[in-house]
Amino acid sequence: MVVGVLTLQFALHGNDSLKGKRRVAQSLKQKLRNKFNVAVAEVAMQESWDTLVLAAVAVSGDATHVRGLLQKAVNMVEAAALAELVYDDIEILTL
């Protein structure tokens, strides 16, 4: 079994409330879930108004498939332009 973990950090320029951050987070999470069938959650910096950190997880039997899926997810959030992507990392765990 292969587990892929994608960590995404966004800078929310001009955001002035947690409500605004939550709107961006919900939109990105829903897009990732709908398009890539991954589990997504906000994993850090919950109290910060201008930084959003999301993690997406995919499970498969093939590491190449998981890495490709998560890379497509990175490309999609960059193109969505809801927030500036400042950091992304894909980690593959073989269990």
PDB file of N, CA and C in Angstrom:
ATOM      1  N   MET A   1       0.849  -1.174   0.000  1.00  0.00           N
ATOM      2  CA  MET A   1       0.000   0.000   0.000  1.00  0.00           C
ATOM      3  C   MET A   1       0.892   1.234   0.000  1.00  0.00           C
ATOM      4  N   VAL A   2       0.518   2.224  -0.809  1.00  0.00           N
ATOM      5  CA  VAL A   2       1.271   3.463  -0.932  1.00  0.00           C
ATOM      6  C   VAL A   2       0.368   4.621  -0.512  1.00  0.00           C
ATOM      7  N   VAL A   3       0.894   5.473   0.362  1.00  0.00           N
ATOM      8  CA  VAL A   3       0.173   6.655   0.822  1.00  0.00           C
ATOM      9  C   VAL A   3       0.952   7.880   0.362  1.00  0.00           C
ATOM     10  N   GLY A   4       0.279   8.781  -0.326  1.00  0.00           N
ATOM     11  CA  GLY A   4       0.899  10.025  -0.765  1.00  0.00           C
ATOM     12  C   GLY A   4       0.336  11.182   0.025  1.00  0.00           C
ATOM     13  N   VAL A   5       1.226  12.035   0.533  1.00  0.00           N
ATOM     14  CA  VAL A   5       0.817  13.200   1.302  1.00  0.00           C
ATOM     15  C   VAL A   5       1.319  14.447   0.587  1.00  0.00           C
ATOM     16  N   LEU A   6       0.392  15.325   0.254  1.00  0.00           N
ATOM     17  CA  LEU A   6       0.703  16.591  -0.396  1.00  0.00           C
ATOM     18  C   LEU A   6       0.471  17.706   0.605  1.00  0.00           C
ATOM     19  N   THR A   7       1.497  18.507   0.852  1.00  0.00           N
ATOM     20  CA  THR A   7       1.378  19.661   1.741  1.00  0.00           C
ATOM     21  C   THR A   7       1.456  20.920   0.889  1.00  0.00           C
ATOM     22  N   LEU A   8       0.495  21.810   1.081  1.00  0.00           N
ATOM     23  CA  LEU A   8       0.409  23.055   0.325  1.00  0.00           C
ATOM     24  C   LEU A   8       0.340  24.228   1.292  1.00  0.00           C
ATOM     25  N   GLN A   9       1.169  25.236   1.074  1.00  0.00           N
ATOM     26  CA  GLN A   9       1.107  26.451   1.888  1.00  0.00           C
ATOM     27  C   GLN A   9       0.824  27.627   0.965  1.00  0.00           C
ATOM     28  N   PHE A  10      -0.163  28.422   1.356  1.00  0.00           N
ATOM     29  CA  PHE A  10      -0.604  29.563   0.558  1.00  0.00           C
ATOM     30  C   PHE A  10      -0.435  30.850   1.341  1.00  0.00           C
ATOM     31  N   ALA A  11      -0.116  31.939   0.630  1.00  0.00           N
ATOM     32  CA  ALA A  11      -0.130  33.278   1.201  1.00  0.00           C
ATOM     33  C   ALA A  11      -1.427  33.938   0.738  1.00  0.00           C
ATOM     34  N   LEU A  12      -2.201  34.446   1.692  1.00  0.00           N
ATOM     35  CA  LEU A  12      -3.487  35.087   1.388  1.00  0.00           C
ATOM     36  C   LEU A  12      -3.297  36.594   1.485  1.00  0.00           C
ATOM     37  N   HIS A  13      -2.873  37.202   0.403  1.00  0.00           N
ATOM     38  CA  HIS A  13      -2.613  38.641   0.384  1.00  0.00           C
ATOM     39  C   HIS A  13      -3.924  39.417   0.462  1.00  0.00           C
ATOM     40  N   GLY A  14      -3.952  40.422   1.312  1.00  0.00           N
ATOM     41  CA  GLY A  14      -5.137  41.267   1.416  1.00  0.00           C
ATOM     42  C   GLY A  14      -6.266  40.679   2.246  1.00  0.00           C
ATOM     43  N   ASN A  15      -6.064  39.509   2.816  1.00  0.00           N
ATOM     44  CA  ASN A  15      -7.106  38.902   3.644  1.00  0.00           C
ATOM     45  C   ASN A  15      -7.075  39.551   5.025  1.00  0.00           C
ATOM     46  N   ASP A  16      -8.250  39.866   5.580  1.00  0.00           N
ATOM     47  CA  ASP A  16      -8.284  40.568   6.860  1.00  0.00           C
ATOM     48  C   ASP A  16      -9.143  39.875   7.916  1.00  0.00           C
ATOM     49  N   SER A  17      -9.501  38.597   7.684  1.00  0.00           N
ATOM     50  CA  SER A  17     -10.306  37.896   8.685  1.00  0.00           C
ATOM     51  C   SER A  17     -10.191  36.386   8.502  1.00  0.00           C
ATOM     52  N   LEU A  18     -10.510  35.672   9.567  1.00  0.00           N
ATOM     53  CA  LEU A  18     -10.548  34.216   9.476  1.00  0.00           C
ATOM     54  C   LEU A  18     -11.684  33.756   8.576  1.00  0.00           C
ATOM     55  N   LYS A  19     -12.742  34.555   8.503  1.00  0.00           N
ATOM     56  CA  LYS A  19     -13.868  34.220   7.631  1.00  0.00           C
ATOM     57  C   LYS A  19     -13.432  34.215   6.158  1.00  0.00           C
ATOM     58  N   GLY A  20     -12.638  35.190   5.765  1.00  0.00           N
ATOM     59  CA  GLY A  20     -12.109  35.234   4.401  1.00  0.00           C
ATOM     60  C   GLY A  20     -11.188  34.062   4.121  1.00  0.00           C
ATOM     61  N   LYS A  21     -10.369  33.718   5.111  1.00  0.00           N
ATOM     62  CA  LYS A  21      -9.475  32.572   4.965  1.00  0.00           C
ATOM     63  C   LYS A  21     -10.285  31.290   4.815  1.00  0.00           C
ATOM     64  N   ARG A  22     -11.323  31.143   5.616  1.00  0.00           N
ATOM     65  CA  ARG A  22     -12.166  29.948   5.570  1.00  0.00           C
ATOM     66  C   ARG A  22     -12.833  29.804   4.198  1.00  0.00           C
ATOM     67  N   ARG A  23     -13.233  30.925   3.595  1.00  0.00           N
ATOM     68  CA  ARG A  23     -13.854  30.887   2.268  1.00  0.00           C
ATOM     69  C   ARG A  23     -12.884  30.324   1.229  1.00  0.00           C
ATOM     70  N   VAL A  24     -11.653  30.798   1.255  1.00  0.00           N
ATOM     71  CA  VAL A  24     -10.630  30.311   0.317  1.00  0.00           C
ATOM     72  C   VAL A  24     -10.321  28.837   0.589  1.00  0.00           C
ATOM     73  N   ALA A  25     -10.180  28.483   1.876  1.00  0.00           N
ATOM     74  CA  ALA A  25      -9.865  27.101   2.246  1.00  0.00           C
ATOM     75  C   ALA A  25     -10.962  26.149   1.786  1.00  0.00           C
ATOM     76  N   GLN A  26     -12.213  26.500   2.038  1.00  0.00           N
ATOM     77  CA  GLN A  26     -13.326  25.631   1.641  1.00  0.00           C
ATOM     78  C   GLN A  26     -13.364  25.442   0.130  1.00  0.00           C
ATOM     79  N   SER A  27     -13.133  26.507  -0.611  1.00  0.00           N
ATOM     80  CA  SER A  27     -13.139  26.414  -2.066  1.00  0.00           C
ATOM     81  C   SER A  27     -12.034  25.482  -2.566  1.00  0.00           C
ATOM     82  N   LEU A  28     -10.823  25.668  -2.064  1.00  0.00           N
ATOM     83  CA  LEU A  28      -9.707  24.817  -2.491  1.00  0.00           C
ATOM     84  C   LEU A  28      -9.919  23.363  -2.083  1.00  0.00           C
ATOM     85  N   LYS A  29     -10.387  23.135  -0.869  1.00  0.00           N
ATOM     86  CA  LYS A  29     -10.623  21.768  -0.402  1.00  0.00           C
ATOM     87  C   LYS A  29     -11.678  21.076  -1.254  1.00  0.00           C
ATOM     88  N   GLN A  30     -12.760  21.779  -1.570  1.00  0.00           N
ATOM     89  CA  GLN A  30     -13.821  21.172  -2.375  1.00  0.00           C
ATOM     90  C   GLN A  30     -13.338  20.850  -3.782  1.00  0.00           C
ATOM     91  N   LYS A  31     -12.549  21.748  -4.378  1.00  0.00           N
ATOM     92  CA  LYS A  31     -12.015  21.489  -5.722  1.00  0.00           C
ATOM     93  C   LYS A  31     -11.102  20.264  -5.718  1.00  0.00           C
ATOM     94  N   LEU A  32     -10.244  20.151  -4.716  1.00  0.00           N
ATOM     95  CA  LEU A  32      -9.345  18.997  -4.635  1.00  0.00           C
ATOM     96  C   LEU A  32     -10.119  17.700  -4.430  1.00  0.00           C
ATOM     97  N   ARG A  33     -11.113  17.724  -3.555  1.00  0.00           N
ATOM     98  CA  ARG A  33     -11.921  16.523  -3.315  1.00  0.00           C
ATOM     99  C   ARG A  33     -12.677  16.091  -4.566  1.00  0.00           C
ATOM    100  N   ASN A  34     -13.316  17.046  -5.220  1.00  0.00           N
ATOM    101  CA  ASN A  34     -14.140  16.728  -6.383  1.00  0.00           C
ATOM    102  C   ASN A  34     -13.323  16.228  -7.562  1.00  0.00           C
ATOM    103  N   LYS A  35     -12.191  16.862  -7.817  1.00  0.00           N
ATOM    104  CA  LYS A  35     -11.430  16.521  -9.020  1.00  0.00           C
ATOM    105  C   LYS A  35     -10.511  15.310  -8.829  1.00  0.00           C
ATOM    106  N   PHE A  36      -9.935  15.164  -7.623  1.00  0.00           N
ATOM    107  CA  PHE A  36      -8.911  14.143  -7.434  1.00  0.00           C
ATOM    108  C   PHE A  36      -9.279  13.058  -6.430  1.00  0.00           C
ATOM    109  N   ASN A  37     -10.427  13.146  -5.802  1.00  0.00           N
ATOM    110  CA  ASN A  37     -10.887  12.141  -4.837  1.00  0.00           C
ATOM    111  C   ASN A  37      -9.843  11.890  -3.747  1.00  0.00           C
ATOM    112  N   VAL A  38      -9.357  12.984  -3.148  1.00  0.00           N
ATOM    113  CA  VAL A  38      -8.381  12.900  -2.064  1.00  0.00           C
ATOM    114  C   VAL A  38      -9.018  13.417  -0.778  1.00  0.00           C
ATOM    115  N   ALA A  39      -8.450  13.034   0.349  1.00  0.00           N
ATOM    116  CA  ALA A  39      -8.864  13.594   1.629  1.00  0.00           C
ATOM    117  C   ALA A  39      -8.057  14.872   1.850  1.00  0.00           C
ATOM    118  N   VAL A  40      -8.717  15.946   2.277  1.00  0.00           N
ATOM    119  CA  VAL A  40      -8.054  17.245   2.435  1.00  0.00           C
ATOM    120  C   VAL A  40      -8.437  17.856   3.776  1.00  0.00           C
ATOM    121  N   ALA A  41      -7.447  18.472   4.431  1.00  0.00           N
ATOM    122  CA  ALA A  41      -7.715  19.155   5.698  1.00  0.00           C
ATOM    123  C   ALA A  41      -6.734  20.312   5.869  1.00  0.00           C
ATOM    124  N   GLU A  42      -7.167  21.314   6.632  1.00  0.00           N
ATOM    125  CA  GLU A  42      -6.265  22.384   7.045  1.00  0.00           C
ATOM    126  C   GLU A  42      -5.455  21.836   8.215  1.00  0.00           C
ATOM    127  N   VAL A  43      -4.125  21.893   8.119  1.00  0.00           N
ATOM    128  CA  VAL A  43      -3.295  21.181   9.093  1.00  0.00           C
ATOM    129  C   VAL A  43      -2.406  22.069   9.956  1.00  0.00           C
ATOM    130  N   ALA A  44      -2.300  23.342   9.657  1.00  0.00           N
ATOM    131  CA  ALA A  44      -1.433  24.214  10.451  1.00  0.00           C
ATOM    132  C   ALA A  44      -1.861  25.668  10.254  1.00  0.00           C
ATOM    133  N   MET A  45      -1.360  26.523  11.131  1.00  0.00           N
ATOM    134  CA  MET A  45      -1.580  27.975  11.030  1.00  0.00           C
ATOM    135  C   MET A  45      -3.060  28.344  11.039  1.00  0.00           C
ATOM    136  N   GLN A  46      -3.874  27.624  11.812  1.00  0.00           N
ATOM    137  CA  GLN A  46      -5.315  27.862  11.822  1.00  0.00           C
ATOM    138  C   GLN A  46      -5.687  29.258  12.293  1.00  0.00           C
ATOM    139  N   GLU A  47      -4.897  29.880  13.133  1.00  0.00           N
ATOM    140  CA  GLU A  47      -5.235  31.197  13.661  1.00  0.00           C
ATOM    141  C   GLU A  47      -4.670  32.344  12.831  1.00  0.00           C
ATOM    142  N   SER A  48      -3.852  32.039  11.852  1.00  0.00           N
ATOM    143  CA  SER A  48      -3.253  33.076  11.009  1.00  0.00           C
ATOM    144  C   SER A  48      -4.222  33.484   9.906  1.00  0.00           C
ATOM    145  N   TRP A  49      -4.382  34.774   9.704  1.00  0.00           N
ATOM    146  CA  TRP A  49      -5.290  35.280   8.664  1.00  0.00           C
ATOM    147  C   TRP A  49      -4.676  35.208   7.272  1.00  0.00           C
ATOM    148  N   ASP A  50      -3.349  35.300   7.193  1.00  0.00           N
ATOM    149  CA  ASP A  50      -2.713  35.439   5.884  1.00  0.00           C
ATOM    150  C   ASP A  50      -1.940  34.212   5.409  1.00  0.00           C
ATOM    151  N   THR A  51      -2.016  33.107   6.150  1.00  0.00           N
ATOM    152  CA  THR A  51      -1.340  31.873   5.745  1.00  0.00           C
ATOM    153  C   THR A  51      -2.306  30.699   5.877  1.00  0.00           C
ATOM    154  N   LEU A  52      -2.362  29.893   4.830  1.00  0.00           N
ATOM    155  CA  LEU A  52      -3.222  28.718   4.801  1.00  0.00           C
ATOM    156  C   LEU A  52      -2.353  27.504   4.479  1.00  0.00           C
ATOM    157  N   VAL A  53      -2.442  26.455   5.297  1.00  0.00           N
ATOM    158  CA  VAL A  53      -1.690  25.224   5.056  1.00  0.00           C
ATOM    159  C   VAL A  53      -2.695  24.075   4.953  1.00  0.00           C
ATOM    160  N   LEU A  54      -2.713  23.427   3.789  1.00  0.00           N
ATOM    161  CA  LEU A  54      -3.591  22.288   3.548  1.00  0.00           C
ATOM    162  C   LEU A  54      -2.751  21.042   3.303  1.00  0.00           C
ATOM    163  N   ALA A  55      -3.317  19.895   3.644  1.00  0.00           N
ATOM    164  CA  ALA A  55      -2.692  18.613   3.309  1.00  0.00           C
ATOM    165  C   ALA A  55      -3.737  17.763   2.601  1.00  0.00           C
ATOM    166  N   ALA A  56      -3.315  17.105   1.531  1.00  0.00           N
ATOM    167  CA  ALA A  56      -4.172  16.184   0.786  1.00  0.00           C
ATOM    168  C   ALA A  56      -3.505  14.815   0.813  1.00  0.00           C
ATOM    169  N   VAL A  57      -4.328  13.772   0.968  1.00  0.00           N
ATOM    170  CA  VAL A  57      -3.797  12.417   1.082  1.00  0.00           C
ATOM    171  C   VAL A  57      -4.489  11.513   0.068  1.00  0.00           C
ATOM    172  N   ALA A  58      -3.696  10.676  -0.609  1.00  0.00           N
ATOM    173  CA  ALA A  58      -4.220   9.690  -1.551  1.00  0.00           C
ATOM    174  C   ALA A  58      -3.590   8.333  -1.242  1.00  0.00           C
ATOM    175  N   VAL A  59      -4.361   7.275  -1.420  1.00  0.00           N
ATOM    176  CA  VAL A  59      -3.893   5.913  -1.165  1.00  0.00           C
ATOM    177  C   VAL A  59      -4.070   5.092  -2.438  1.00  0.00           C
ATOM    178  N   SER A  60      -3.057   4.286  -2.755  1.00  0.00           N
ATOM    179  CA  SER A  60      -3.108   3.447  -3.948  1.00  0.00           C
ATOM    180  C   SER A  60      -2.122   2.304  -3.780  1.00  0.00           C
ATOM    181  N   GLY A  61      -2.109   1.440  -4.747  1.00  0.00           N
ATOM    182  CA  GLY A  61      -1.130   0.362  -4.760  1.00  0.00           C
ATOM    183  C   GLY A  61       0.098   0.717  -5.568  1.00  0.00           C
ATOM    184  N   ASP A  62       0.068   1.852  -6.260  1.00  0.00           N
ATOM    185  CA  ASP A  62       1.129   2.233  -7.185  1.00  0.00           C
ATOM    186  C   ASP A  62       1.671   3.621  -6.832  1.00  0.00           C
ATOM    187  N   ALA A  63       2.950   3.696  -6.493  1.00  0.00           N
ATOM    188  CA  ALA A  63       3.573   4.965  -6.107  1.00  0.00           C
ATOM    189  C   ALA A  63       3.582   5.967  -7.253  1.00  0.00           C
ATOM    190  N   THR A  64       3.786   5.505  -8.471  1.00  0.00           N
ATOM    191  CA  THR A  64       3.802   6.401  -9.627  1.00  0.00           C
ATOM    192  C   THR A  64       2.446   7.051  -9.826  1.00  0.00           C
ATOM    193  N   HIS A  65       1.393   6.275  -9.658  1.00  0.00           N
ATOM    194  CA  HIS A  65       0.035   6.812  -9.788  1.00  0.00           C
ATOM    195  C   HIS A  65      -0.228   7.888  -8.732  1.00  0.00           C
ATOM    196  N   VAL A  66       0.148   7.613  -7.491  1.00  0.00           N
ATOM    197  CA  VAL A  66      -0.085   8.570  -6.403  1.00  0.00           C
ATOM    198  C   VAL A  66       0.695   9.855  -6.642  1.00  0.00           C
ATOM    199  N   ARG A  67       1.969   9.739  -7.003  1.00  0.00           N
ATOM    200  CA  ARG A  67       2.787  10.933  -7.249  1.00  0.00           C
ATOM    201  C   ARG A  67       2.209  11.756  -8.400  1.00  0.00           C
ATOM    202  N   GLY A  68       1.797  11.091  -9.470  1.00  0.00           N
ATOM    203  CA  GLY A  68       1.208  11.793 -10.610  1.00  0.00           C
ATOM    204  C   GLY A  68      -0.081  12.501 -10.245  1.00  0.00           C
ATOM    205  N   LEU A  69      -0.924  11.839  -9.480  1.00  0.00           N
ATOM    206  CA  LEU A  69      -2.193  12.422  -9.037  1.00  0.00           C
ATOM    207  C   LEU A  69      -1.953  13.666  -8.196  1.00  0.00           C
ATOM    208  N   LEU A  70      -1.029  13.573  -7.241  1.00  0.00           N
ATOM    209  CA  LEU A  70      -0.760  14.715  -6.369  1.00  0.00           C
ATOM    210  C   LEU A  70      -0.069  15.856  -7.119  1.00  0.00           C
ATOM    211  N   GLN A  71       0.756  15.533  -8.109  1.00  0.00           N
ATOM    212  CA  GLN A  71       1.372  16.594  -8.920  1.00  0.00           C
ATOM    213  C   GLN A  71       0.312  17.326  -9.745  1.00  0.00           C
ATOM    214  N   LYS A  72      -0.663  16.592 -10.255  1.00  0.00           N
ATOM    215  CA  LYS A  72      -1.773  17.234 -10.979  1.00  0.00           C
ATOM    216  C   LYS A  72      -2.567  18.133 -10.038  1.00  0.00           C
ATOM    217  N   ALA A  73      -2.701  17.724  -8.782  1.00  0.00           N
ATOM    218  CA  ALA A  73      -3.391  18.549  -7.794  1.00  0.00           C
ATOM    219  C   ALA A  73      -2.634  19.857  -7.561  1.00  0.00           C
ATOM    220  N   VAL A  74      -1.314  19.785  -7.483  1.00  0.00           N
ATOM    221  CA  VAL A  74      -0.497  20.997  -7.332  1.00  0.00           C
ATOM    222  C   VAL A  74      -0.713  21.922  -8.524  1.00  0.00           C
ATOM    223  N   ASN A  75      -0.675  21.367  -9.722  1.00  0.00           N
ATOM    224  CA  ASN A  75      -0.882  22.168 -10.927  1.00  0.00           C
ATOM    225  C   ASN A  75      -2.252  22.833 -10.936  1.00  0.00           C
ATOM    226  N   MET A  76      -3.273  22.122 -10.472  1.00  0.00           N
ATOM    227  CA  MET A  76      -4.627  22.678 -10.445  1.00  0.00           C
ATOM    228  C   MET A  76      -4.737  23.846  -9.471  1.00  0.00           C
ATOM    229  N   VAL A  77      -4.177  23.724  -8.263  1.00  0.00           N
ATOM    230  CA  VAL A  77      -4.301  24.820  -7.303  1.00  0.00           C
ATOM    231  C   VAL A  77      -3.476  26.033  -7.731  1.00  0.00           C
ATOM    232  N   GLU A  78      -2.373  25.809  -8.426  1.00  0.00           N
ATOM    233  CA  GLU A  78      -1.611  26.939  -8.972  1.00  0.00           C
ATOM    234  C   GLU A  78      -2.426  27.676 -10.016  1.00  0.00           C
ATOM    235  N   ALA A  79      -3.121  26.933 -10.857  1.00  0.00           N
ATOM    236  CA  ALA A  79      -3.932  27.538 -11.918  1.00  0.00           C
ATOM    237  C   ALA A  79      -5.193  28.198 -11.367  1.00  0.00           C
ATOM    238  N   ALA A  80      -5.709  27.699 -10.241  1.00  0.00           N
ATOM    239  CA  ALA A  80      -6.944  28.250  -9.671  1.00  0.00           C
ATOM    240  C   ALA A  80      -6.758  29.694  -9.228  1.00  0.00           C
ATOM    241  N   ALA A  81      -5.565  30.060  -8.796  1.00  0.00           N
ATOM    242  CA  ALA A  81      -5.210  31.436  -8.432  1.00  0.00           C
ATOM    243  C   ALA A  81      -6.108  32.044  -7.363  1.00  0.00           C
ATOM    244  N   LEU A  82      -6.616  31.229  -6.445  1.00  0.00           N
ATOM    245  CA  LEU A  82      -7.383  31.762  -5.319  1.00  0.00           C
ATOM    246  C   LEU A  82      -6.452  32.350  -4.264  1.00  0.00           C
ATOM    247  N   ALA A  83      -5.225  31.850  -4.224  1.00  0.00           N
ATOM    248  CA  ALA A  83      -4.212  32.319  -3.290  1.00  0.00           C
ATOM    249  C   ALA A  83      -2.845  31.997  -3.884  1.00  0.00           C
ATOM    250  N   GLU A  84      -1.818  32.684  -3.404  1.00  0.00           N
ATOM    251  CA  GLU A  84      -0.469  32.443  -3.909  1.00  0.00           C
ATOM    252  C   GLU A  84       0.121  31.197  -3.248  1.00  0.00           C
ATOM    253  N   LEU A  85       0.455  30.206  -4.049  1.00  0.00           N
ATOM    254  CA  LEU A  85       1.087  28.990  -3.547  1.00  0.00           C
ATOM    255  C   LEU A  85       2.559  29.295  -3.296  1.00  0.00           C
ATOM    256  N   VAL A  86       2.996  29.211  -2.031  1.00  0.00           N
ATOM    257  CA  VAL A  86       4.376  29.542  -1.693  1.00  0.00           C
ATOM    258  C   VAL A  86       5.212  28.300  -1.404  1.00  0.00           C
ATOM    259  N   TYR A  87       4.563  27.164  -1.135  1.00  0.00           N
ATOM    260  CA  TYR A  87       5.305  25.942  -0.816  1.00  0.00           C
ATOM    261  C   TYR A  87       4.434  24.741  -1.143  1.00  0.00           C
ATOM    262  N   ASP A  88       5.038  23.732  -1.746  1.00  0.00           N
ATOM    263  CA  ASP A  88       4.353  22.449  -1.931  1.00  0.00           C
ATOM    264  C   ASP A  88       5.361  21.326  -1.760  1.00  0.00           C
ATOM    265  N   ASP A  89       4.890  20.214  -1.221  1.00  0.00           N
ATOM    266  CA  ASP A  89       5.751  19.060  -0.993  1.00  0.00           C
ATOM    267  C   ASP A  89       4.923  17.796  -1.158  1.00  0.00           C
ATOM    268  N   ILE A  90       5.458  16.831  -1.885  1.00  0.00           N
ATOM    269  CA  ILE A  90       4.817  15.529  -2.031  1.00  0.00           C
ATOM    270  C   ILE A  90       5.696  14.493  -1.341  1.00  0.00           C
ATOM    271  N   GLU A  91       5.098  13.764  -0.415  1.00  0.00           N
ATOM    272  CA  GLU A  91       5.814  12.715   0.289  1.00  0.00           C
ATOM    273  C   GLU A  91       5.104  11.396   0.020  1.00  0.00           C
ATOM    274  N   ILE A  92       5.859  10.385  -0.368  1.00  0.00           N
ATOM    275  CA  ILE A  92       5.307   9.059  -0.668  1.00  0.00           C
ATOM    276  C   ILE A  92       5.758   8.090   0.417  1.00  0.00           C
ATOM    277  N   LEU A  93       4.794   7.430   1.055  1.00  0.00           N
ATOM    278  CA  LEU A  93       5.080   6.461   2.110  1.00  0.00           C
ATOM    279  C   LEU A  93       4.641   5.090   1.622  1.00  0.00           C
ATOM    280  N   THR A  94       5.511   4.106   1.702  1.00  0.00           N
ATOM    281  CA  THR A  94       5.174   2.745   1.324  1.00  0.00           C
ATOM    282  C   THR A  94       5.000   1.940   2.610  1.00  0.00           C
ATOM    283  N   LEU A  95       3.810   1.361   2.759  1.00  0.00           N
ATOM    284  CA  LEU A  95       3.503   0.610   3.973  1.00  0.00           C
ATOM    285  C   LEU A  95       3.415  -0.871   3.680  1.00  0.00           C
TER     286      LEU A  95
END
